Amino acid sequence: MKNLKSLILVAMTISFDLVHAQVGINTVNPQATLDVVGKPTTPSSLDGIIPPRLTGDQLRAKTYTTAQTGAVVYVTAADSAPAGQTVNVTVPGFYYFNGTVWGTMTINNIPNGTGNILAINGQPQIAQEVSARMDGDFTVPTNPASPTRIGRMTEKLVDNFNTFTGTATNNAFTVNSNGTYLVNMNFSLQGESPTTPLSGNCYYGLYNVTDNRYVAFNIDTITSLAFGQVTNLSYQVAMELVTGKTYAFTIEQQHNGGGSPSVVMRGTGTTAGGGIFPMTFFSVIRIK
């Protein structure tokens, strides 16, 4: 008898149009593929449609295909490690699957965070950015066996995903998403040897520490850089960076003559009044 009552209830609330394959809830005359009629005059009847509810982490554990394009879910908590199909699942709310990634259904949704807004697959994201300056001079070895990581990059201007580390002798960072990043390096070298001018190629750029190779670098030839003389160097390049790798700003100064001349990277300068001003700038920002 209980099963019979259930069948009768279903028959009363859901009708199937065999010709058009339309489904109606609370109506016997559905006007679309699915037509849900509420009960606005009945306070005790809570109208609404509730899609599947799950957390961002639970959604990330699933793999959707193009067969699920158009699927809608409600995320109750943001993904704790946004990546892959859930890279945009950074706040609770409604999300739809576009066949590749999950996108928010909120109109004009502005991601919460610090940085420039970048559109990826039609979805706004905060572009990862690392910007830093040196807090003082850094001695650059000549003829090193391998590229030297630039030290004293301790003045972080922007590190919106908290992946950068700068110490007196080192620097390193990672990226949170695969993409194209714009890299900037601006600094000055000053000769420090009273008797031996510096002459040789200077290699500087971004180094993949994980794979022990340059991602990209620039070459400037230093010619007879005497004691107290300064040369300004700069480099800008767009390159592809990937997750799971550690990167660092590096320099490799060669010397072709005899001796081992000393050279420093000037991190700060001093005004006539005794004020200190920055002389370097390093940055990485995602552009695509």
C-alpha atoms as a PDB file:
ATOM      1  CA  MET A   1       0.000   0.000   0.000  1.00  0.00           C
ATOM      2  CA  LYS A   2       2.860   2.363   0.811  1.00  0.00           C
ATOM      3  CA  ASN A   3       4.431   1.788  -2.616  1.00  0.00           C
ATOM      4  CA  LEU A   4       1.057   2.375  -4.263  1.00  0.00           C
ATOM      5  CA  LYS A   5       0.675   5.721  -2.482  1.00  0.00           C
ATOM      6  CA  SER A   6       4.144   6.730  -3.627  1.00  0.00           C
ATOM      7  CA  LEU A   7       3.302   5.891  -7.237  1.00  0.00           C
ATOM      8  CA  ILE A   8       0.084   7.902  -7.018  1.00  0.00           C
ATOM      9  CA  LEU A   9       1.975  10.890  -5.568  1.00  0.00           C
ATOM     10  CA  VAL A  10       4.548  10.766  -8.366  1.00  0.00           C
ATOM     11  CA  ALA A  11       1.796  10.555 -10.945  1.00  0.00           C
ATOM     12  CA  MET A  12       0.094  13.615  -9.448  1.00  0.00           C
ATOM     13  CA  THR A  13       3.199  15.804  -9.304  1.00  0.00           C
ATOM     14  CA  ILE A  14       5.213  14.747 -12.363  1.00  0.00           C
ATOM     15  CA  SER A  15       3.750  14.332 -15.805  1.00  0.00           C
ATOM     16  CA  PHE A  16       5.544  13.023 -18.864  1.00  0.00           C
ATOM     17  CA  ASP A  17       4.679  14.275 -22.308  1.00  0.00           C
ATOM     18  CA  LEU A  18       5.398  11.220 -24.420  1.00  0.00           C
ATOM     19  CA  VAL A  19       5.513  13.247 -27.614  1.00  0.00           C
ATOM     20  CA  HIS A  20       7.837  16.029 -26.494  1.00  0.00           C
ATOM     21  CA  ALA A  21       9.532  14.189 -23.597  1.00  0.00           C
ATOM     22  CA  GLN A  22       8.767  17.115 -21.277  1.00  0.00           C
ATOM     23  CA  VAL A  23       8.626  16.829 -17.494  1.00  0.00           C
ATOM     24  CA  GLY A  24       6.413  18.908 -15.250  1.00  0.00           C
ATOM     25  CA  ILE A  25       6.573  19.235 -11.484  1.00  0.00           C
ATOM     26  CA  ASN A  26       3.355  20.504  -9.880  1.00  0.00           C
ATOM     27  CA  THR A  27       1.877  20.893 -13.371  1.00  0.00           C
ATOM     28  CA  VAL A  28       0.208  18.575 -15.862  1.00  0.00           C
ATOM     29  CA  ASN A  29       1.066  20.878 -18.763  1.00  0.00           C
ATOM     30  CA  PRO A  30       4.854  21.415 -18.834  1.00  0.00           C
ATOM     31  CA  GLN A  31       5.970  24.229 -21.129  1.00  0.00           C
ATOM     32  CA  ALA A  32       9.629  23.180 -21.461  1.00  0.00           C
ATOM     33  CA  THR A  33      11.894  20.159 -21.106  1.00  0.00           C
ATOM     34  CA  LEU A  34      11.595  20.659 -17.335  1.00  0.00           C
ATOM     35  CA  ASP A  35       8.871  22.939 -15.984  1.00  0.00           C
ATOM     36  CA  VAL A  36       8.786  23.453 -12.224  1.00  0.00           C
ATOM     37  CA  VAL A  37       5.779  25.312 -10.840  1.00  0.00           C
ATOM     38  CA  GLY A  38       6.158  26.632  -7.325  1.00  0.00           C
ATOM     39  CA  LYS A  39       3.574  27.319  -4.651  1.00  0.00           C
ATOM     40  CA  PRO A  40       4.055  31.029  -3.987  1.00  0.00           C
ATOM     41  CA  THR A  41       0.829  31.400  -2.004  1.00  0.00           C
ATOM     42  CA  THR A  42       1.628  28.535   0.367  1.00  0.00           C
ATOM     43  CA  PRO A  43       4.009  29.809   3.080  1.00  0.00           C
ATOM     44  CA  SER A  44       4.733  26.304   4.323  1.00  0.00           C
ATOM     45  CA  SER A  45       5.941  25.205   0.882  1.00  0.00           C
ATOM     46  CA  LEU A  46       9.561  26.273   0.406  1.00  0.00           C
ATOM     47  CA  ASP A  47      10.004  26.773  -3.334  1.00  0.00           C
ATOM     48  CA  GLY A  48      13.348  26.301  -5.034  1.00  0.00           C
ATOM     49  CA  ILE A  49      15.636  23.905  -6.832  1.00  0.00           C
ATOM     50  CA  ILE A  50      18.693  22.601  -4.984  1.00  0.00           C
ATOM     51  CA  PRO A  51      21.557  21.270  -7.146  1.00  0.00           C
ATOM     52  CA  PRO A  52      24.164  18.849  -5.796  1.00  0.00           C
ATOM     53  CA  ARG A  53      26.064  20.392  -2.884  1.00  0.00           C
ATOM     54  CA  LEU A  54      29.715  19.542  -2.208  1.00  0.00           C
ATOM     55  CA  THR A  55      32.985  21.172  -1.179  1.00  0.00           C
ATOM     56  CA  GLY A  56      35.626  22.379  -3.603  1.00  0.00           C
ATOM     57  CA  ASP A  57      37.973  19.622  -2.455  1.00  0.00           C
ATOM     58  CA  GLN A  58      35.305  16.995  -3.134  1.00  0.00           C
ATOM     59  CA  LEU A  59      34.679  18.489  -6.578  1.00  0.00           C
ATOM     60  CA  ARG A  60      38.418  18.445  -7.373  1.00  0.00           C
ATOM     61  CA  ALA A  61      38.491  14.706  -6.661  1.00  0.00           C
ATOM     62  CA  LYS A  62      36.109  14.123  -9.583  1.00  0.00           C
ATOM     63  CA  THR A  63      37.055  14.205 -13.282  1.00  0.00           C
ATOM     64  CA  TYR A  64      34.401  15.571 -15.632  1.00  0.00           C
ATOM     65  CA  THR A  65      34.343  15.198 -19.423  1.00  0.00           C
ATOM     66  CA  THR A  66      32.634  17.051 -22.264  1.00  0.00           C
ATOM     67  CA  ALA A  67      29.653  14.757 -21.696  1.00  0.00           C
ATOM     68  CA  GLN A  68      28.996  16.742 -18.484  1.00  0.00           C
ATOM     69  CA  THR A  69      29.187  20.171 -20.169  1.00  0.00           C
ATOM     70  CA  GLY A  70      26.532  22.376 -18.589  1.00  0.00           C
ATOM     71  CA  ALA A  71      26.481  20.567 -15.238  1.00  0.00           C
ATOM     72  CA  VAL A  72      25.690  22.819 -12.274  1.00  0.00           C
ATOM     73  CA  VAL A  73      26.698  22.348  -8.634  1.00  0.00           C
ATOM     74  CA  TYR A  74      26.761  24.429  -5.479  1.00  0.00           C
ATOM     75  CA  VAL A  75      30.163  24.540  -3.762  1.00  0.00           C
ATOM     76  CA  THR A  76      29.821  24.924  -0.005  1.00  0.00           C
ATOM     77  CA  ALA A  77      33.518  25.618   0.659  1.00  0.00           C
ATOM     78  CA  ALA A  78      36.321  26.812  -1.638  1.00  0.00           C
ATOM     79  CA  ASP A  79      38.881  24.365  -2.993  1.00  0.00           C
ATOM     80  CA  SER A  80      41.830  24.400  -0.576  1.00  0.00           C
ATOM     81  CA  ALA A  81      44.276  23.815  -3.466  1.00  0.00           C
ATOM     82  CA  PRO A  82      42.655  25.110  -6.693  1.00  0.00           C
ATOM     83  CA  ALA A  83      44.088  23.349  -9.731  1.00  0.00           C
ATOM     84  CA  GLY A  84      43.040  21.631 -12.933  1.00  0.00           C
ATOM     85  CA  GLN A  85      39.280  21.651 -13.463  1.00  0.00           C
ATOM     86  CA  THR A  86      38.680  23.465 -10.149  1.00  0.00           C
ATOM     87  CA  VAL A  87      41.306  26.193 -10.581  1.00  0.00           C
ATOM     88  CA  ASN A  88      38.512  28.802 -10.432  1.00  0.00           C
ATOM     89  CA  VAL A  89      36.723  27.306  -7.415  1.00  0.00           C
ATOM     90  CA  THR A  90      38.056  29.861  -4.937  1.00  0.00           C
ATOM     91  CA  VAL A  91      34.862  30.925  -3.161  1.00  0.00           C
ATOM     92  CA  PRO A  92      31.591  29.187  -2.218  1.00  0.00           C
ATOM     93  CA  GLY A  93      28.767  29.520  -4.725  1.00  0.00           C
ATOM     94  CA  PHE A  94      27.193  28.166  -7.892  1.00  0.00           C
ATOM     95  CA  TYR A  95      29.516  26.734 -10.544  1.00  0.00           C
ATOM     96  CA  TYR A  96      28.937  25.360 -14.023  1.00  0.00           C
ATOM     97  CA  PHE A  97      31.140  23.036 -16.079  1.00  0.00           C
ATOM     98  CA  ASN A  98      32.063  24.412 -19.534  1.00  0.00           C
ATOM     99  CA  GLY A  99      33.576  21.176 -20.792  1.00  0.00           C
ATOM    100  CA  THR A 100      37.063  22.063 -19.564  1.00  0.00           C
ATOM    101  CA  VAL A 101      36.913  23.791 -16.175  1.00  0.00           C
ATOM    102  CA  TRP A 102      34.374  24.848 -13.571  1.00  0.00           C
ATOM    103  CA  GLY A 103      33.344  28.494 -13.801  1.00  0.00           C
ATOM    104  CA  THR A 104      31.461  30.670 -11.366  1.00  0.00           C
ATOM    105  CA  MET A 105      27.875  31.593 -12.209  1.00  0.00           C
ATOM    106  CA  THR A 106      28.126  34.883 -10.335  1.00  0.00           C
ATOM    107  CA  ILE A 107      27.777  37.836 -12.717  1.00  0.00           C
ATOM    108  CA  ASN A 108      30.730  40.247 -12.745  1.00  0.00           C
ATOM    109  CA  ASN A 109      32.418  38.217 -10.050  1.00  0.00           C
ATOM    110  CA  ILE A 110      35.718  39.800  -8.994  1.00  0.00           C
ATOM    111  CA  PRO A 111      38.176  37.344  -7.420  1.00  0.00           C
ATOM    112  CA  ASN A 112      39.192  38.132  -3.880  1.00  0.00           C
ATOM    113  CA  GLY A 113      42.885  38.920  -3.636  1.00  0.00           C
ATOM    114  CA  THR A 114      45.685  41.364  -4.489  1.00  0.00           C
ATOM    115  CA  GLY A 115      46.904  41.796  -8.051  1.00  0.00           C
ATOM    116  CA  ASN A 116      45.803  42.263 -11.633  1.00  0.00           C
ATOM    117  CA  ILE A 117      42.736  40.480 -13.013  1.00  0.00           C
ATOM    118  CA  LEU A 118      43.486  37.988 -15.794  1.00  0.00           C
ATOM    119  CA  ALA A 119      40.833  36.169 -17.854  1.00  0.00           C
ATOM    120  CA  ILE A 120      41.629  32.452 -18.242  1.00  0.00           C
ATOM    121  CA  ASN A 121      39.148  30.323 -20.220  1.00  0.00           C
ATOM    122  CA  GLY A 122      36.615  33.107 -19.833  1.00  0.00           C
ATOM    123  CA  GLN A 123      36.964  33.241 -16.051  1.00  0.00           C
ATOM    124  CA  PRO A 124      38.545  36.113 -14.078  1.00  0.00           C
ATOM    125  CA  GLN A 125      41.557  35.155 -11.988  1.00  0.00           C
ATOM    126  CA  ILE A 126      44.110  37.017  -9.925  1.00  0.00           C
ATOM    127  CA  ALA A 127      47.372  36.992 -11.886  1.00  0.00           C
ATOM    128  CA  GLN A 128      50.229  35.677  -9.778  1.00  0.00           C
ATOM    129  CA  GLU A 129      52.900  38.299  -9.211  1.00  0.00           C
ATOM    130  CA  VAL A 130      56.246  38.361  -7.456  1.00  0.00           C
ATOM    131  CA  SER A 131      57.978  41.742  -7.137  1.00  0.00           C
ATOM    132  CA  ALA A 132      61.000  42.387  -4.952  1.00  0.00           C
ATOM    133  CA  ARG A 133      63.933  44.726  -4.344  1.00  0.00           C
ATOM    134  CA  MET A 134      67.315  44.234  -2.730  1.00  0.00           C
ATOM    135  CA  ASP A 135      67.941  45.687   0.724  1.00  0.00           C
ATOM    136  CA  GLY A 136      71.675  46.252   0.125  1.00  0.00           C
ATOM    137  CA  ASP A 137      74.696  45.376  -1.994  1.00  0.00           C
ATOM    138  CA  PHE A 138      75.390  41.787  -3.042  1.00  0.00           C
ATOM    139  CA  THR A 139      78.883  40.567  -3.955  1.00  0.00           C
ATOM    140  CA  VAL A 140      78.845  38.759  -7.305  1.00  0.00           C
ATOM    141  CA  PRO A 141      81.396  35.916  -7.683  1.00  0.00           C
ATOM    142  CA  THR A 142      83.479  35.922 -10.870  1.00  0.00           C
ATOM    143  CA  ASN A 143      83.926  32.770 -12.957  1.00  0.00           C
ATOM    144  CA  PRO A 144      81.542  30.692 -10.802  1.00  0.00           C
ATOM    145  CA  ALA A 145      81.099  26.986 -11.464  1.00  0.00           C
ATOM    146  CA  SER A 146      77.344  27.527 -11.796  1.00  0.00           C
ATOM    147  CA  PRO A 147      74.898  30.445 -11.856  1.00  0.00           C
ATOM    148  CA  THR A 148      74.719  32.362  -8.579  1.00  0.00           C
ATOM    149  CA  ARG A 149      71.332  32.990  -7.018  1.00  0.00           C
ATOM    150  CA  ILE A 150      71.004  36.687  -6.284  1.00  0.00           C
ATOM    151  CA  GLY A 151      70.858  37.437  -2.568  1.00  0.00           C
ATOM    152  CA  ARG A 152      69.464  40.274  -0.440  1.00  0.00           C
ATOM    153  CA  MET A 153      66.157  40.265  -2.325  1.00  0.00           C
ATOM    154  CA  THR A 154      64.306  40.654   0.955  1.00  0.00           C
ATOM    155  CA  GLU A 155      62.066  43.648   0.217  1.00  0.00           C
ATOM    156  CA  LYS A 156      58.949  41.981  -1.156  1.00  0.00           C
ATOM    157  CA  LEU A 157      56.623  44.437  -2.876  1.00  0.00           C
ATOM    158  CA  VAL A 158      54.070  41.889  -4.112  1.00  0.00           C
ATOM    159  CA  ASP A 159      53.858  38.161  -3.427  1.00  0.00           C
ATOM    160  CA  ASN A 160      50.145  37.531  -3.758  1.00  0.00           C
ATOM    161  CA  PHE A 161      50.381  33.727  -3.591  1.00  0.00           C
ATOM    162  CA  ASN A 162      53.120  33.611  -0.916  1.00  0.00           C
ATOM    163  CA  THR A 163      55.562  31.533  -2.964  1.00  0.00           C
ATOM    164  CA  PHE A 164      58.658  33.785  -2.900  1.00  0.00           C
ATOM    165  CA  THR A 165      61.566  33.518  -0.472  1.00  0.00           C
ATOM    166  CA  GLY A 166      64.442  35.991  -0.372  1.00  0.00           C
ATOM    167  CA  THR A 167      67.407  35.812   2.011  1.00  0.00           C
ATOM    168  CA  ALA A 168      70.860  37.380   2.297  1.00  0.00           C
ATOM    169  CA  THR A 169      72.310  34.720  -0.013  1.00  0.00           C
ATOM    170  CA  ASN A 170      69.413  33.217  -1.943  1.00  0.00           C
ATOM    171  CA  ASN A 171      66.043  33.634  -3.636  1.00  0.00           C
ATOM    172  CA  ALA A 172      63.427  31.190  -4.913  1.00  0.00           C
ATOM    173  CA  PHE A 173      59.787  31.016  -5.932  1.00  0.00           C
ATOM    174  CA  THR A 174      57.193  28.723  -7.511  1.00  0.00           C
ATOM    175  CA  VAL A 175      54.139  29.384  -9.677  1.00  0.00           C
ATOM    176  CA  ASN A 176      50.649  28.175  -8.807  1.00  0.00           C
ATOM    177  CA  SER A 177      49.486  27.697 -12.416  1.00  0.00           C
ATOM    178  CA  ASN A 178      51.039  26.813 -15.757  1.00  0.00           C
ATOM    179  CA  GLY A 179      51.125  29.854 -18.012  1.00  0.00           C
ATOM    180  CA  THR A 180      53.085  32.639 -19.687  1.00  0.00           C
ATOM    181  CA  TYR A 181      54.860  35.015 -17.313  1.00  0.00           C
ATOM    182  CA  LEU A 182      56.580  38.369 -17.883  1.00  0.00           C
ATOM    183  CA  VAL A 183      59.990  38.573 -16.180  1.00  0.00           C
ATOM    184  CA  ASN A 184      61.809  41.835 -15.365  1.00  0.00           C
ATOM    185  CA  MET A 185      65.329  42.334 -13.995  1.00  0.00           C
ATOM    186  CA  ASN A 186      66.889  45.766 -13.397  1.00  0.00           C
ATOM    187  CA  PHE A 187      70.137  46.258 -11.470  1.00  0.00           C
ATOM    188  CA  SER A 188      73.598  47.858 -11.507  1.00  0.00           C
ATOM    189  CA  LEU A 189      77.085  46.352 -11.213  1.00  0.00           C
ATOM    190  CA  GLN A 190      79.980  48.297  -9.703  1.00  0.00           C
ATOM    191  CA  GLY A 191      83.684  47.457  -9.906  1.00  0.00           C
ATOM    192  CA  GLU A 192      85.330  46.948  -6.507  1.00  0.00           C
ATOM    193  CA  SER A 193      88.927  46.041  -7.421  1.00  0.00           C
ATOM    194  CA  PRO A 194      91.407  48.958  -7.328  1.00  0.00           C
ATOM    195  CA  THR A 195      93.969  47.131  -9.482  1.00  0.00           C
ATOM    196  CA  THR A 196      92.079  44.650 -11.701  1.00  0.00           C
ATOM    197  CA  PRO A 197      89.290  45.898 -14.003  1.00  0.00           C
ATOM    198  CA  LEU A 198      86.526  43.422 -14.774  1.00  0.00           C
ATOM    199  CA  SER A 199      86.125  42.208 -18.368  1.00  0.00           C
ATOM    200  CA  GLY A 200      83.853  39.373 -19.475  1.00  0.00           C
ATOM    201  CA  ASN A 201      80.345  38.260 -20.300  1.00  0.00           C
ATOM    202  CA  CYS A 202      77.600  38.629 -17.722  1.00  0.00           C
ATOM    203  CA  TYR A 203      74.770  36.067 -17.915  1.00  0.00           C
ATOM    204  CA  TYR A 204      71.632  36.843 -15.924  1.00  0.00           C
ATOM    205  CA  GLY A 205      68.080  35.596 -16.038  1.00  0.00           C
ATOM    206  CA  LEU A 206      65.652  33.082 -14.611  1.00  0.00           C
ATOM    207  CA  TYR A 207      66.967  29.676 -13.589  1.00  0.00           C
ATOM    208  CA  ASN A 208      65.040  26.421 -13.170  1.00  0.00           C
ATOM    209  CA  VAL A 209      66.575  25.132  -9.948  1.00  0.00           C
ATOM    210  CA  THR A 210      64.647  21.857 -10.085  1.00  0.00           C
ATOM    211  CA  ASP A 211      66.002  20.886 -13.509  1.00  0.00           C
ATOM    212  CA  ASN A 212      69.338  22.731 -13.128  1.00  0.00           C
ATOM    213  CA  ARG A 213      69.025  24.823 -16.290  1.00  0.00           C
ATOM    214  CA  TYR A 214      68.230  28.332 -17.447  1.00  0.00           C
ATOM    215  CA  VAL A 215      64.669  29.068 -18.513  1.00  0.00           C
ATOM    216  CA  ALA A 216      65.860  32.240 -20.238  1.00  0.00           C
ATOM    217  CA  PHE A 217      68.820  34.589 -19.850  1.00  0.00           C
ATOM    218  CA  ASN A 218      70.420  37.721 -21.256  1.00  0.00           C
ATOM    219  CA  ILE A 219      74.109  38.353 -22.009  1.00  0.00           C
ATOM    220  CA  ASP A 220      75.937  41.660 -21.601  1.00  0.00           C
ATOM    221  CA  THR A 221      79.667  42.072 -22.187  1.00  0.00           C
ATOM    222  CA  ILE A 222      81.431  44.018 -19.446  1.00  0.00           C
ATOM    223  CA  THR A 223      84.593  45.765 -20.672  1.00  0.00           C
ATOM    224  CA  SER A 224      87.250  47.073 -18.258  1.00  0.00           C
ATOM    225  CA  LEU A 225      84.896  47.888 -15.391  1.00  0.00           C
ATOM    226  CA  ALA A 226      87.316  49.705 -13.093  1.00  0.00           C
ATOM    227  CA  PHE A 227      87.075  50.460  -9.399  1.00  0.00           C
ATOM    228  CA  GLY A 228      84.013  52.621  -8.695  1.00  0.00           C
ATOM    229  CA  GLN A 229      82.639  52.404 -12.231  1.00  0.00           C
ATOM    230  CA  VAL A 230      78.990  51.378 -12.618  1.00  0.00           C
ATOM    231  CA  THR A 231      77.126  49.682 -15.464  1.00  0.00           C
ATOM    232  CA  ASN A 232      73.344  49.351 -15.573  1.00  0.00           C
ATOM    233  CA  LEU A 233      71.765  46.093 -16.788  1.00  0.00           C
ATOM    234  CA  SER A 234      68.154  45.221 -17.535  1.00  0.00           C
ATOM    235  CA  TYR A 235      66.216  42.337 -19.044  1.00  0.00           C
ATOM    236  CA  GLN A 236      62.586  41.699 -19.922  1.00  0.00           C
ATOM    237  CA  VAL A 237      61.228  38.482 -21.406  1.00  0.00           C
ATOM    238  CA  ALA A 238      57.977  36.496 -21.572  1.00  0.00           C
ATOM    239  CA  MET A 239      58.337  32.770 -20.896  1.00  0.00           C
ATOM    240  CA  GLU A 240      56.335  29.700 -19.986  1.00  0.00           C
ATOM    241  CA  LEU A 241      56.588  28.583 -16.367  1.00  0.00           C
ATOM    242  CA  VAL A 242      55.029  25.473 -14.856  1.00  0.00           C
ATOM    243  CA  THR A 243      53.956  24.221 -11.466  1.00  0.00           C
ATOM    244  CA  GLY A 244      56.116  21.798  -9.529  1.00  0.00           C
ATOM    245  CA  LYS A 245      59.361  23.633 -10.363  1.00  0.00           C
ATOM    246  CA  THR A 246      61.456  26.001  -8.261  1.00  0.00           C
ATOM    247  CA  TYR A 247      62.788  29.104 -10.014  1.00  0.00           C
ATOM    248  CA  ALA A 248      65.360  31.730  -9.035  1.00  0.00           C
ATOM    249  CA  PHE A 249      66.841  34.986 -10.317  1.00  0.00           C
ATOM    250  CA  THR A 250      70.518  34.304 -11.031  1.00  0.00           C
ATOM    251  CA  ILE A 251      73.694  35.954 -12.313  1.00  0.00           C
ATOM    252  CA  GLU A 252      76.896  34.464 -13.760  1.00  0.00           C
ATOM    253  CA  GLN A 253      79.767  36.923 -14.220  1.00  0.00           C
ATOM    254  CA  GLN A 254      82.800  35.801 -16.248  1.00  0.00           C
ATOM    255  CA  HIS A 255      86.262  37.415 -16.187  1.00  0.00           C
ATOM    256  CA  ASN A 256      88.655  36.921 -19.102  1.00  0.00           C
ATOM    257  CA  GLY A 257      91.807  38.483 -17.672  1.00  0.00           C
ATOM    258  CA  GLY A 258      94.069  37.569 -14.803  1.00  0.00           C
ATOM    259  CA  GLY A 259      93.233  37.921 -11.152  1.00  0.00           C
ATOM    260  CA  SER A 260      89.826  37.788  -9.513  1.00  0.00           C
ATOM    261  CA  PRO A 261      88.312  41.262  -9.588  1.00  0.00           C
ATOM    262  CA  SER A 262      85.526  41.979  -7.140  1.00  0.00           C
ATOM    263  CA  VAL A 263      82.169  43.274  -8.342  1.00  0.00           C
ATOM    264  CA  VAL A 264      78.990  44.075  -6.438  1.00  0.00           C
ATOM    265  CA  MET A 265      75.361  44.369  -7.416  1.00  0.00           C
ATOM    266  CA  ARG A 266      74.224  47.689  -6.005  1.00  0.00           C
ATOM    267  CA  GLY A 267      71.059  47.175  -4.023  1.00  0.00           C
ATOM    268  CA  THR A 268      70.658  50.683  -2.628  1.00  0.00           C
ATOM    269  CA  GLY A 269      72.096  54.146  -3.084  1.00  0.00           C
ATOM    270  CA  THR A 270      72.515  57.159  -0.807  1.00  0.00           C
ATOM    271  CA  THR A 271      71.439  60.719  -1.521  1.00  0.00           C
ATOM    272  CA  ALA A 272      73.462  63.801  -0.620  1.00  0.00           C
ATOM    273  CA  GLY A 273      71.240  64.274   2.401  1.00  0.00           C
ATOM    274  CA  GLY A 274      71.856  60.755   3.659  1.00  0.00           C
ATOM    275  CA  GLY A 275      68.651  59.205   2.382  1.00  0.00           C
ATOM    276  CA  ILE A 276      68.623  55.650   1.023  1.00  0.00           C
ATOM    277  CA  PHE A 277      66.908  54.777  -2.242  1.00  0.00           C
ATOM    278  CA  PRO A 278      66.419  51.440  -4.066  1.00  0.00           C
ATOM    279  CA  MET A 279      68.496  50.619  -7.152  1.00  0.00           C
ATOM    280  CA  THR A 280      67.049  47.247  -8.173  1.00  0.00           C
ATOM    281  CA  PHE A 281      63.759  45.706  -9.241  1.00  0.00           C
ATOM    282  CA  PHE A 282      62.860  42.095  -9.998  1.00  0.00           C
ATOM    283  CA  SER A 283      59.427  40.812 -10.938  1.00  0.00           C
ATOM    284  CA  VAL A 284      57.475  37.906 -12.409  1.00  0.00           C
ATOM    285  CA  ILE A 285      53.821  38.340 -13.365  1.00  0.00           C
ATOM    286  CA  ARG A 286      51.474  36.025 -15.200  1.00  0.00           C
ATOM    287  CA  ILE A 287      50.146  37.484 -18.463  1.00  0.00           C
ATOM    288  CA  LYS A 288      48.489  34.458 -20.082  1.00  0.00           C
END
